[in-house]
Amino acid sequence: MPVGGFDLTMDEARDMLHMMPNGIQLLESGKENHEFMKKKGSLGIATLLLMANKVVDITRIVLPSQQVAQTMQQADNWGQDWFVLTKVMRLAMHLQTAPPQK
């Protein structure tokens, strides 16, 4: 089976998922978390739709902050381990800004 990918607008994603039971609700359920992460300094949460035949899996990826994304891009133009490194950078930033433990 060929593998490919493309971007969808929310309207296009809704059109694709409207026949799936709870498809629209699953898609919409990520909006609140997306806004919450943006308030924390992240670029938000990307919703990833994985489709094979008539099976759809929805997963979400927390995006790094703009600062982390720029640092990663400047370091090695994302490189091959960009996803793991963004997790490490987010953890490091969290530890720097987290209140001290009692």
PDB file of N, CA and C in Angstrom:
ATOM      1  N   MET A   1       0.850  -1.172   0.000  1.00  0.00           N
ATOM      2  CA  MET A   1       0.000   0.000   0.000  1.00  0.00           C
ATOM      3  C   MET A   1       0.897   1.237   0.000  1.00  0.00           C
ATOM      4  N   PRO A   2       0.630   2.182  -0.875  1.00  0.00           N
ATOM      5  CA  PRO A   2       1.455   3.398  -0.889  1.00  0.00           C
ATOM      6  C   PRO A   2       1.268   4.215   0.379  1.00  0.00           C
ATOM      7  N   VAL A   3       2.324   4.844   0.785  1.00  0.00           N
ATOM      8  CA  VAL A   3       2.286   5.696   1.968  1.00  0.00           C
ATOM      9  C   VAL A   3       2.463   7.132   1.501  1.00  0.00           C
ATOM     10  N   GLY A   4       1.644   8.006   2.027  1.00  0.00           N
ATOM     11  CA  GLY A   4       1.744   9.411   1.653  1.00  0.00           C
ATOM     12  C   GLY A   4       1.156  10.270   2.741  1.00  0.00           C
ATOM     13  N   GLY A   5       1.297  11.536   2.584  1.00  0.00           N
ATOM     14  CA  GLY A   5       0.746  12.443   3.572  1.00  0.00           C
ATOM     15  C   GLY A   5       0.426  13.781   2.959  1.00  0.00           C
ATOM     16  N   PHE A   6      -0.444  14.508   3.635  1.00  0.00           N
ATOM     17  CA  PHE A   6      -0.836  15.832   3.171  1.00  0.00           C
ATOM     18  C   PHE A   6      -1.488  16.568   4.324  1.00  0.00           C
ATOM     19  N   ASP A   7      -1.547  17.874   4.203  1.00  0.00           N
ATOM     20  CA  ASP A   7      -2.183  18.719   5.215  1.00  0.00           C
ATOM     21  C   ASP A   7      -3.664  18.863   4.907  1.00  0.00           C
ATOM     22  N   LEU A   8      -4.452  18.956   5.968  1.00  0.00           N
ATOM     23  CA  LEU A   8      -5.890  19.191   5.833  1.00  0.00           C
ATOM     24  C   LEU A   8      -6.279  20.403   6.664  1.00  0.00           C
ATOM     25  N   THR A   9      -7.252  21.136   6.185  1.00  0.00           N
ATOM     26  CA  THR A   9      -7.865  22.156   7.032  1.00  0.00           C
ATOM     27  C   THR A   9      -8.812  21.428   7.983  1.00  0.00           C
ATOM     28  N   MET A  10      -9.270  22.118   9.014  1.00  0.00           N
ATOM     29  CA  MET A  10     -10.224  21.487   9.938  1.00  0.00           C
ATOM     30  C   MET A  10     -11.499  21.096   9.200  1.00  0.00           C
ATOM     31  N   ASP A  11     -11.951  21.925   8.263  1.00  0.00           N
ATOM     32  CA  ASP A  11     -13.158  21.590   7.498  1.00  0.00           C
ATOM     33  C   ASP A  11     -12.951  20.320   6.676  1.00  0.00           C
ATOM     34  N   GLU A  12     -11.787  20.184   6.054  1.00  0.00           N
ATOM     35  CA  GLU A  12     -11.500  18.974   5.272  1.00  0.00           C
ATOM     36  C   GLU A  12     -11.430  17.744   6.173  1.00  0.00           C
ATOM     37  N   ALA A  13     -10.829  17.897   7.348  1.00  0.00           N
ATOM     38  CA  ALA A  13     -10.754  16.780   8.291  1.00  0.00           C
ATOM     39  C   ALA A  13     -12.155  16.385   8.760  1.00  0.00           C
ATOM     40  N   ARG A  14     -12.995  17.377   9.036  1.00  0.00           N
ATOM     41  CA  ARG A  14     -14.381  17.078   9.434  1.00  0.00           C
ATOM     42  C   ARG A  14     -15.104  16.314   8.328  1.00  0.00           C
ATOM     43  N   ASP A  15     -14.919  16.748   7.076  1.00  0.00           N
ATOM     44  CA  ASP A  15     -15.549  16.053   5.947  1.00  0.00           C
ATOM     45  C   ASP A  15     -15.102  14.598   5.876  1.00  0.00           C
ATOM     46  N   MET A  16     -13.826  14.351   6.134  1.00  0.00           N
ATOM     47  CA  MET A  16     -13.309  12.982   6.084  1.00  0.00           C
ATOM     48  C   MET A  16     -13.858  12.122   7.215  1.00  0.00           C
ATOM     49  N   LEU A  17     -14.059  12.732   8.378  1.00  0.00           N
ATOM     50  CA  LEU A  17     -14.408  11.965   9.572  1.00  0.00           C
ATOM     51  C   LEU A  17     -15.896  11.940   9.885  1.00  0.00           C
ATOM     52  N   HIS A  18     -16.721  12.640   9.125  1.00  0.00           N
ATOM     53  CA  HIS A  18     -18.132  12.750   9.502  1.00  0.00           C
ATOM     54  C   HIS A  18     -18.866  11.409   9.454  1.00  0.00           C
ATOM     55  N   MET A  19     -18.393  10.456   8.682  1.00  0.00           N
ATOM     56  CA  MET A  19     -19.050   9.142   8.616  1.00  0.00           C
ATOM     57  C   MET A  19     -18.584   8.205   9.734  1.00  0.00           C
ATOM     58  N   MET A  20     -17.491   8.540  10.373  1.00  0.00           N
ATOM     59  CA  MET A  20     -16.942   7.696  11.435  1.00  0.00           C
ATOM     60  C   MET A  20     -17.677   7.989  12.742  1.00  0.00           C
ATOM     61  N   PRO A  21     -18.116   6.950  13.457  1.00  0.00           N
ATOM     62  CA  PRO A  21     -18.771   7.206  14.747  1.00  0.00           C
ATOM     63  C   PRO A  21     -17.837   8.011  15.661  1.00  0.00           C
ATOM     64  N   ASN A  22     -18.322   9.088  16.187  1.00  0.00           N
ATOM     65  CA  ASN A  22     -17.571   9.979  17.081  1.00  0.00           C
ATOM     66  C   ASN A  22     -16.363  10.634  16.415  1.00  0.00           C
ATOM     67  N   GLY A  23     -16.268  10.575  15.101  1.00  0.00           N
ATOM     68  CA  GLY A  23     -15.117  11.142  14.405  1.00  0.00           C
ATOM     69  C   GLY A  23     -14.957  12.630  14.637  1.00  0.00           C
ATOM     70  N   ILE A  24     -16.056  13.364  14.502  1.00  0.00           N
ATOM     71  CA  ILE A  24     -15.998  14.816  14.690  1.00  0.00           C
ATOM     72  C   ILE A  24     -15.666  15.143  16.142  1.00  0.00           C
ATOM     73  N   GLN A  25     -16.267  14.417  17.080  1.00  0.00           N
ATOM     74  CA  GLN A  25     -16.000  14.658  18.499  1.00  0.00           C
ATOM     75  C   GLN A  25     -14.532  14.400  18.828  1.00  0.00           C
ATOM     76  N   LEU A  26     -13.962  13.340  18.258  1.00  0.00           N
ATOM     77  CA  LEU A  26     -12.545  13.053  18.496  1.00  0.00           C
ATOM     78  C   LEU A  26     -11.664  14.174  17.952  1.00  0.00           C
ATOM     79  N   LEU A  27     -12.008  14.664  16.789  1.00  0.00           N
ATOM     80  CA  LEU A  27     -11.238  15.744  16.183  1.00  0.00           C
ATOM     81  C   LEU A  27     -11.339  17.017  17.022  1.00  0.00           C
ATOM     82  N   GLU A  28     -12.543  17.353  17.439  1.00  0.00           N
ATOM     83  CA  GLU A  28     -12.770  18.582  18.201  1.00  0.00           C
ATOM     84  C   GLU A  28     -12.204  18.502  19.617  1.00  0.00           C
ATOM     85  N   SER A  29     -12.074  17.298  20.163  1.00  0.00           N
ATOM     86  CA  SER A  29     -11.632  17.154  21.551  1.00  0.00           C
ATOM     87  C   SER A  29     -10.212  17.659  21.772  1.00  0.00           C
ATOM     88  N   GLY A  30      -9.422  17.775  20.728  1.00  0.00           N
ATOM     89  CA  GLY A  30      -8.054  18.251  20.890  1.00  0.00           C
ATOM     90  C   GLY A  30      -7.917  19.757  20.952  1.00  0.00           C
ATOM     91  N   LYS A  31      -8.964  20.492  20.608  1.00  0.00           N
ATOM     92  CA  LYS A  31      -8.869  21.958  20.551  1.00  0.00           C
ATOM     93  C   LYS A  31      -8.534  22.584  21.903  1.00  0.00           C
ATOM     94  N   GLU A  32      -9.186  22.112  22.959  1.00  0.00           N
ATOM     95  CA  GLU A  32      -8.953  22.681  24.286  1.00  0.00           C
ATOM     96  C   GLU A  32      -7.506  22.453  24.721  1.00  0.00           C
ATOM     97  N   ASN A  33      -6.997  21.242  24.509  1.00  0.00           N
ATOM     98  CA  ASN A  33      -5.611  20.948  24.868  1.00  0.00           C
ATOM     99  C   ASN A  33      -4.634  21.759  24.015  1.00  0.00           C
ATOM    100  N   HIS A  34      -4.971  21.954  22.743  1.00  0.00           N
ATOM    101  CA  HIS A  34      -4.139  22.756  21.845  1.00  0.00           C
ATOM    102  C   HIS A  34      -3.991  24.176  22.393  1.00  0.00           C
ATOM    103  N   GLU A  35      -5.103  24.781  22.784  1.00  0.00           N
ATOM    104  CA  GLU A  35      -5.066  26.143  23.323  1.00  0.00           C
ATOM    105  C   GLU A  35      -4.316  26.190  24.653  1.00  0.00           C
ATOM    106  N   PHE A  36      -4.495  25.162  25.484  1.00  0.00           N
ATOM    107  CA  PHE A  36      -3.796  25.096  26.769  1.00  0.00           C
ATOM    108  C   PHE A  36      -2.282  25.070  26.552  1.00  0.00           C
ATOM    109  N   MET A  37      -1.823  24.238  25.613  1.00  0.00           N
ATOM    110  CA  MET A  37      -0.388  24.138  25.347  1.00  0.00           C
ATOM    111  C   MET A  37       0.157  25.436  24.749  1.00  0.00           C
ATOM    112  N   LYS A  38      -0.636  26.115  23.945  1.00  0.00           N
ATOM    113  CA  LYS A  38      -0.199  27.401  23.393  1.00  0.00           C
ATOM    114  C   LYS A  38      -0.007  28.420  24.517  1.00  0.00           C
ATOM    115  N   LYS A  39      -0.895  28.390  25.516  1.00  0.00           N
ATOM    116  CA  LYS A  39      -0.760  29.306  26.648  1.00  0.00           C
ATOM    117  C   LYS A  39       0.495  29.003  27.465  1.00  0.00           C
ATOM    118  N   LYS A  40       0.931  27.738  27.437  1.00  0.00           N
ATOM    119  CA  LYS A  40       2.149  27.349  28.152  1.00  0.00           C
ATOM    120  C   LYS A  40       3.415  27.664  27.357  1.00  0.00           C
ATOM    121  N   GLY A  41       3.267  28.166  26.129  1.00  0.00           N
ATOM    122  CA  GLY A  41       4.432  28.546  25.345  1.00  0.00           C
ATOM    123  C   GLY A  41       4.750  27.632  24.178  1.00  0.00           C
ATOM    124  N   SER A  42       4.019  26.551  24.051  1.00  0.00           N
ATOM    125  CA  SER A  42       4.217  25.625  22.934  1.00  0.00           C
ATOM    126  C   SER A  42       3.589  26.204  21.671  1.00  0.00           C
ATOM    127  N   LEU A  43       3.945  25.654  20.527  1.00  0.00           N
ATOM    128  CA  LEU A  43       3.264  26.022  19.287  1.00  0.00           C
ATOM    129  C   LEU A  43       1.888  25.376  19.213  1.00  0.00           C
ATOM    130  N   GLY A  44       1.580  24.520  20.171  1.00  0.00           N
ATOM    131  CA  GLY A  44       0.274  23.872  20.221  1.00  0.00           C
ATOM    132  C   GLY A  44       0.394  22.372  20.066  1.00  0.00           C
ATOM    133  N   ILE A  45      -0.681  21.769  19.616  1.00  0.00           N
ATOM    134  CA  ILE A  45      -0.730  20.321  19.412  1.00  0.00           C
ATOM    135  C   ILE A  45      -1.185  20.063  17.986  1.00  0.00           C
ATOM    136  N   ALA A  46      -0.424  19.250  17.288  1.00  0.00           N
ATOM    137  CA  ALA A  46      -0.798  18.858  15.924  1.00  0.00           C
ATOM    138  C   ALA A  46      -1.599  17.563  16.004  1.00  0.00           C
ATOM    139  N   THR A  47      -2.718  17.528  15.315  1.00  0.00           N
ATOM    140  CA  THR A  47      -3.522  16.313  15.242  1.00  0.00           C
ATOM    141  C   THR A  47      -3.089  15.543  14.011  1.00  0.00           C
ATOM    142  N   LEU A  48      -2.785  14.274  14.205  1.00  0.00           N
ATOM    143  CA  LEU A  48      -2.319  13.418  13.122  1.00  0.00           C
ATOM    144  C   LEU A  48      -3.368  12.344  12.870  1.00  0.00           C
ATOM    145  N   LEU A  49      -3.874  12.292  11.647  1.00  0.00           N
ATOM    146  CA  LEU A  49      -4.836  11.262  11.257  1.00  0.00           C
ATOM    147  C   LEU A  49      -4.083  10.183  10.496  1.00  0.00           C
ATOM    148  N   LEU A  50      -4.126   8.975  10.984  1.00  0.00           N
ATOM    149  CA  LEU A  50      -3.492   7.846  10.316  1.00  0.00           C
ATOM    150  C   LEU A  50      -4.602   6.995   9.722  1.00  0.00           C
ATOM    151  N   MET A  51      -4.584   6.833   8.420  1.00  0.00           N
ATOM    152  CA  MET A  51      -5.663   6.116   7.750  1.00  0.00           C
ATOM    153  C   MET A  51      -5.106   4.945   6.955  1.00  0.00           C
ATOM    154  N   ALA A  52      -5.778   3.815   7.076  1.00  0.00           N
ATOM    155  CA  ALA A  52      -5.475   2.639   6.265  1.00  0.00           C
ATOM    156  C   ALA A  52      -6.809   2.001   5.913  1.00  0.00           C
ATOM    157  N   ASN A  53      -7.119   1.998   4.630  1.00  0.00           N
ATOM    158  CA  ASN A  53      -8.417   1.525   4.161  1.00  0.00           C
ATOM    159  C   ASN A  53      -9.514   2.305   4.868  1.00  0.00           C
ATOM    160  N   LYS A  54     -10.341   1.643   5.663  1.00  0.00           N
ATOM    161  CA  LYS A  54     -11.418   2.360   6.358  1.00  0.00           C
ATOM    162  C   LYS A  54     -11.132   2.526   7.845  1.00  0.00           C
ATOM    163  N   VAL A  55      -9.909   2.246   8.261  1.00  0.00           N
ATOM    164  CA  VAL A  55      -9.525   2.384   9.658  1.00  0.00           C
ATOM    165  C   VAL A  55      -8.811   3.720   9.833  1.00  0.00           C
ATOM    166  N   VAL A  56      -9.241   4.476  10.837  1.00  0.00           N
ATOM    167  CA  VAL A  56      -8.647   5.783  11.120  1.00  0.00           C
ATOM    168  C   VAL A  56      -8.173   5.796  12.565  1.00  0.00           C
ATOM    169  N   ASP A  57      -6.950   6.235  12.762  1.00  0.00           N
ATOM    170  CA  ASP A  57      -6.409   6.416  14.105  1.00  0.00           C
ATOM    171  C   ASP A  57      -6.059   7.891  14.242  1.00  0.00           C
ATOM    172  N   ILE A  58      -6.440   8.476  15.347  1.00  0.00           N
ATOM    173  CA  ILE A  58      -6.148   9.884  15.597  1.00  0.00           C
ATOM    174  C   ILE A  58      -5.170   9.952  16.756  1.00  0.00           C
ATOM    175  N   THR A  59      -4.076  10.638  16.537  1.00  0.00           N
ATOM    176  CA  THR A  59      -3.104  10.844  17.604  1.00  0.00           C
ATOM    177  C   THR A  59      -2.698  12.307  17.599  1.00  0.00           C
ATOM    178  N   ARG A  60      -2.110  12.739  18.676  1.00  0.00           N
ATOM    179  CA  ARG A  60      -1.720  14.141  18.783  1.00  0.00           C
ATOM    180  C   ARG A  60      -0.243  14.237  19.148  1.00  0.00           C
ATOM    181  N   ILE A  61       0.405  15.253  18.608  1.00  0.00           N
ATOM    182  CA  ILE A  61       1.822  15.484  18.869  1.00  0.00           C
ATOM    183  C   ILE A  61       1.960  16.880  19.459  1.00  0.00           C
ATOM    184  N   VAL A  62       2.540  16.952  20.655  1.00  0.00           N
ATOM    185  CA  VAL A  62       2.780  18.253  21.277  1.00  0.00           C
ATOM    186  C   VAL A  62       3.967  18.883  20.560  1.00  0.00           C
ATOM    187  N   LEU A  63       3.745  20.071  20.041  1.00  0.00           N
ATOM    188  CA  LEU A  63       4.795  20.781  19.319  1.00  0.00           C
ATOM    189  C   LEU A  63       5.658  21.567  20.297  1.00  0.00           C
ATOM    190  N   PRO A  64       6.929  21.750  19.977  1.00  0.00           N
ATOM    191  CA  PRO A  64       7.800  22.504  20.883  1.00  0.00           C
ATOM    192  C   PRO A  64       7.455  23.987  20.853  1.00  0.00           C
ATOM    193  N   SER A  65       8.088  24.734  21.729  1.00  0.00           N
ATOM    194  CA  SER A  65       7.928  26.189  21.690  1.00  0.00           C
ATOM    195  C   SER A  65       8.644  26.721  20.454  1.00  0.00           C
ATOM    196  N   GLN A  66       8.351  27.953  20.111  1.00  0.00           N
ATOM    197  CA  GLN A  66       9.019  28.558  18.955  1.00  0.00           C
ATOM    198  C   GLN A  66      10.523  28.624  19.195  1.00  0.00           C
ATOM    199  N   GLN A  67      10.920  28.914  20.426  1.00  0.00           N
ATOM    200  CA  GLN A  67      12.345  28.996  20.764  1.00  0.00           C
ATOM    201  C   GLN A  67      13.032  27.648  20.550  1.00  0.00           C
ATOM    202  N   VAL A  68      12.413  26.576  21.025  1.00  0.00           N
ATOM    203  CA  VAL A  68      12.995  25.242  20.850  1.00  0.00           C
ATOM    204  C   VAL A  68      13.036  24.871  19.372  1.00  0.00           C
ATOM    205  N   ALA A  69      11.970  25.167  18.647  1.00  0.00           N
ATOM    206  CA  ALA A  69      11.939  24.849  17.219  1.00  0.00           C
ATOM    207  C   ALA A  69      13.047  25.587  16.475  1.00  0.00           C
ATOM    208  N   GLN A  70      13.250  26.859  16.789  1.00  0.00           N
ATOM    209  CA  GLN A  70      14.310  27.622  16.130  1.00  0.00           C
ATOM    210  C   GLN A  70      15.687  27.090  16.500  1.00  0.00           C
ATOM    211  N   THR A  71      15.876  26.729  17.768  1.00  0.00           N
ATOM    212  CA  THR A  71      17.156  26.171  18.207  1.00  0.00           C
ATOM    213  C   THR A  71      17.457  24.874  17.471  1.00  0.00           C
ATOM    214  N   MET A  72      16.452  24.012  17.366  1.00  0.00           N
ATOM    215  CA  MET A  72      16.648  22.733  16.672  1.00  0.00           C
ATOM    216  C   MET A  72      16.976  22.959  15.202  1.00  0.00           C
ATOM    217  N   GLN A  73      16.294  23.877  14.585  1.00  0.00           N
ATOM    218  CA  GLN A  73      16.526  24.130  13.167  1.00  0.00           C
ATOM    219  C   GLN A  73      17.918  24.716  12.944  1.00  0.00           C
ATOM    220  N   GLN A  74      18.338  25.615  13.814  1.00  0.00           N
ATOM    221  CA  GLN A  74      19.662  26.220  13.673  1.00  0.00           C
ATOM    222  C   GLN A  74      20.771  25.218  13.963  1.00  0.00           C
ATOM    223  N   ALA A  75      20.528  24.293  14.895  1.00  0.00           N
ATOM    224  CA  ALA A  75      21.564  23.335  15.291  1.00  0.00           C
ATOM    225  C   ALA A  75      21.942  22.400  14.146  1.00  0.00           C
ATOM    226  N   ASP A  76      20.956  21.797  13.511  1.00  0.00           N
ATOM    227  CA  ASP A  76      21.291  20.853  12.424  1.00  0.00           C
ATOM    228  C   ASP A  76      20.182  20.748  11.385  1.00  0.00           C
ATOM    229  N   ASN A  77      19.441  21.842  11.218  1.00  0.00           N
ATOM    230  CA  ASN A  77      18.331  21.861  10.260  1.00  0.00           C
ATOM    231  C   ASN A  77      17.402  20.670  10.493  1.00  0.00           C
ATOM    232  N   TRP A  78      17.087  20.433  11.740  1.00  0.00           N
ATOM    233  CA  TRP A  78      16.215  19.370  12.236  1.00  0.00           C
ATOM    234  C   TRP A  78      16.915  18.026  12.272  1.00  0.00           C
ATOM    235  N   GLY A  79      17.714  17.683  11.328  1.00  0.00           N
ATOM    236  CA  GLY A  79      18.465  16.430  11.381  1.00  0.00           C
ATOM    237  C   GLY A  79      17.574  15.213  11.487  1.00  0.00           C
ATOM    238  N   GLN A  80      18.199  14.097  11.729  1.00  0.00           N
ATOM    239  CA  GLN A  80      17.466  12.841  11.716  1.00  0.00           C
ATOM    240  C   GLN A  80      16.808  12.541  13.066  1.00  0.00           C
ATOM    241  N   ASP A  81      17.316  13.109  14.147  1.00  0.00           N
ATOM    242  CA  ASP A  81      16.773  12.815  15.480  1.00  0.00           C
ATOM    243  C   ASP A  81      15.986  13.989  16.052  1.00  0.00           C
ATOM    244  N   TRP A  82      15.383  14.806  15.185  1.00  0.00           N
ATOM    245  CA  TRP A  82      14.731  16.030  15.646  1.00  0.00           C
ATOM    246  C   TRP A  82      13.626  15.768  16.650  1.00  0.00           C
ATOM    247  N   PHE A  83      12.851  14.691  16.472  1.00  0.00           N
ATOM    248  CA  PHE A  83      11.711  14.462  17.356  1.00  0.00           C
ATOM    249  C   PHE A  83      12.181  14.155  18.775  1.00  0.00           C
ATOM    250  N   VAL A  84      13.165  13.287  18.910  1.00  0.00           N
ATOM    251  CA  VAL A  84      13.700  12.943  20.230  1.00  0.00           C
ATOM    252  C   VAL A  84      14.340  14.172  20.869  1.00  0.00           C
ATOM    253  N   LEU A  85      15.069  14.934  20.065  1.00  0.00           N
ATOM    254  CA  LEU A  85      15.749  16.105  20.608  1.00  0.00           C
ATOM    255  C   LEU A  85      14.770  17.182  21.065  1.00  0.00           C
ATOM    256  N   THR A  86      13.638  17.337  20.401  1.00  0.00           N
ATOM    257  CA  THR A  86      12.667  18.330  20.877  1.00  0.00           C
ATOM    258  C   THR A  86      12.109  17.914  22.228  1.00  0.00           C
ATOM    259  N   LYS A  87      11.937  16.616  22.444  1.00  0.00           N
ATOM    260  CA  LYS A  87      11.465  16.147  23.750  1.00  0.00           C
ATOM    261  C   LYS A  87      12.491  16.486  24.832  1.00  0.00           C
ATOM    262  N   VAL A  88      13.770  16.274  24.535  1.00  0.00           N
ATOM    263  CA  VAL A  88      14.832  16.576  25.493  1.00  0.00           C
ATOM    264  C   VAL A  88      14.878  18.075  25.772  1.00  0.00           C
ATOM    265  N   MET A  89      14.771  18.889  24.726  1.00  0.00           N
ATOM    266  CA  MET A  89      14.794  20.343  24.898  1.00  0.00           C
ATOM    267  C   MET A  89      13.596  20.817  25.718  1.00  0.00           C
ATOM    268  N   ARG A  90      12.407  20.243  25.467  1.00  0.00           N
ATOM    269  CA  ARG A  90      11.219  20.637  26.238  1.00  0.00           C
ATOM    270  C   ARG A  90      11.406  20.279  27.702  1.00  0.00           C
ATOM    271  N   LEU A  91      11.961  19.089  27.963  1.00  0.00           N
ATOM    272  CA  LEU A  91      12.195  18.673  29.341  1.00  0.00           C
ATOM    273  C   LEU A  91      13.186  19.622  30.010  1.00  0.00           C
ATOM    274  N   ALA A  92      14.255  19.975  29.318  1.00  0.00           N
ATOM    275  CA  ALA A  92      15.250  20.892  29.879  1.00  0.00           C
ATOM    276  C   ALA A  92      14.621  22.249  30.183  1.00  0.00           C
ATOM    277  N   MET A  93      13.798  22.757  29.271  1.00  0.00           N
ATOM    278  CA  MET A  93      13.142  24.048  29.504  1.00  0.00           C
ATOM    279  C   MET A  93      12.176  23.954  30.674  1.00  0.00           C
ATOM    280  N   HIS A  94      11.466  22.831  30.783  1.00  0.00           N
ATOM    281  CA  HIS A  94      10.527  22.647  31.890  1.00  0.00           C
ATOM    282  C   HIS A  94      11.279  22.643  33.220  1.00  0.00           C
ATOM    283  N   LEU A  95      12.399  21.936  33.259  1.00  0.00           N
ATOM    284  CA  LEU A  95      13.166  21.861  34.499  1.00  0.00           C
ATOM    285  C   LEU A  95      13.719  23.229  34.893  1.00  0.00           C
ATOM    286  N   GLN A  96      14.041  24.059  33.909  1.00  0.00           N
ATOM    287  CA  GLN A  96      14.546  25.403  34.201  1.00  0.00           C
ATOM    288  C   GLN A  96      13.448  26.312  34.737  1.00  0.00           C
ATOM    289  N   THR A  97      12.215  26.102  34.306  1.00  0.00           N
ATOM    290  CA  THR A  97      11.126  27.005  34.695  1.00  0.00           C
ATOM    291  C   THR A  97      10.224  26.434  35.778  1.00  0.00           C
ATOM    292  N   ALA A  98      10.419  25.173  36.125  1.00  0.00           N
ATOM    293  CA  ALA A  98       9.558  24.539  37.130  1.00  0.00           C
ATOM    294  C   ALA A  98       9.865  25.112  38.510  1.00  0.00           C
ATOM    295  N   PRO A  99       8.818  25.263  39.342  1.00  0.00           N
ATOM    296  CA  PRO A  99       9.069  25.736  40.708  1.00  0.00           C
ATOM    297  C   PRO A  99       9.871  24.687  41.478  1.00  0.00           C
ATOM    298  N   PRO A 100      10.677  25.119  42.438  1.00  0.00           N
ATOM    299  CA  PRO A 100      11.481  24.162  43.209  1.00  0.00           C
ATOM    300  C   PRO A 100      10.589  23.179  43.959  1.00  0.00           C
ATOM    301  N   GLN A 101      11.041  21.947  44.035  1.00  0.00           N
ATOM    302  CA  GLN A 101      10.310  20.909  44.764  1.00  0.00           C
ATOM    303  C   GLN A 101      10.575  21.060  46.254  1.00  0.00           C
ATOM    304  N   LYS A 102       9.555  20.814  47.053  1.00  0.00           N
ATOM    305  CA  LYS A 102       9.701  20.915  48.514  1.00  0.00           C
ATOM    306  C   LYS A 102      10.010  19.568  49.100  1.00  0.00           C
TER     307      LYS A 102
END
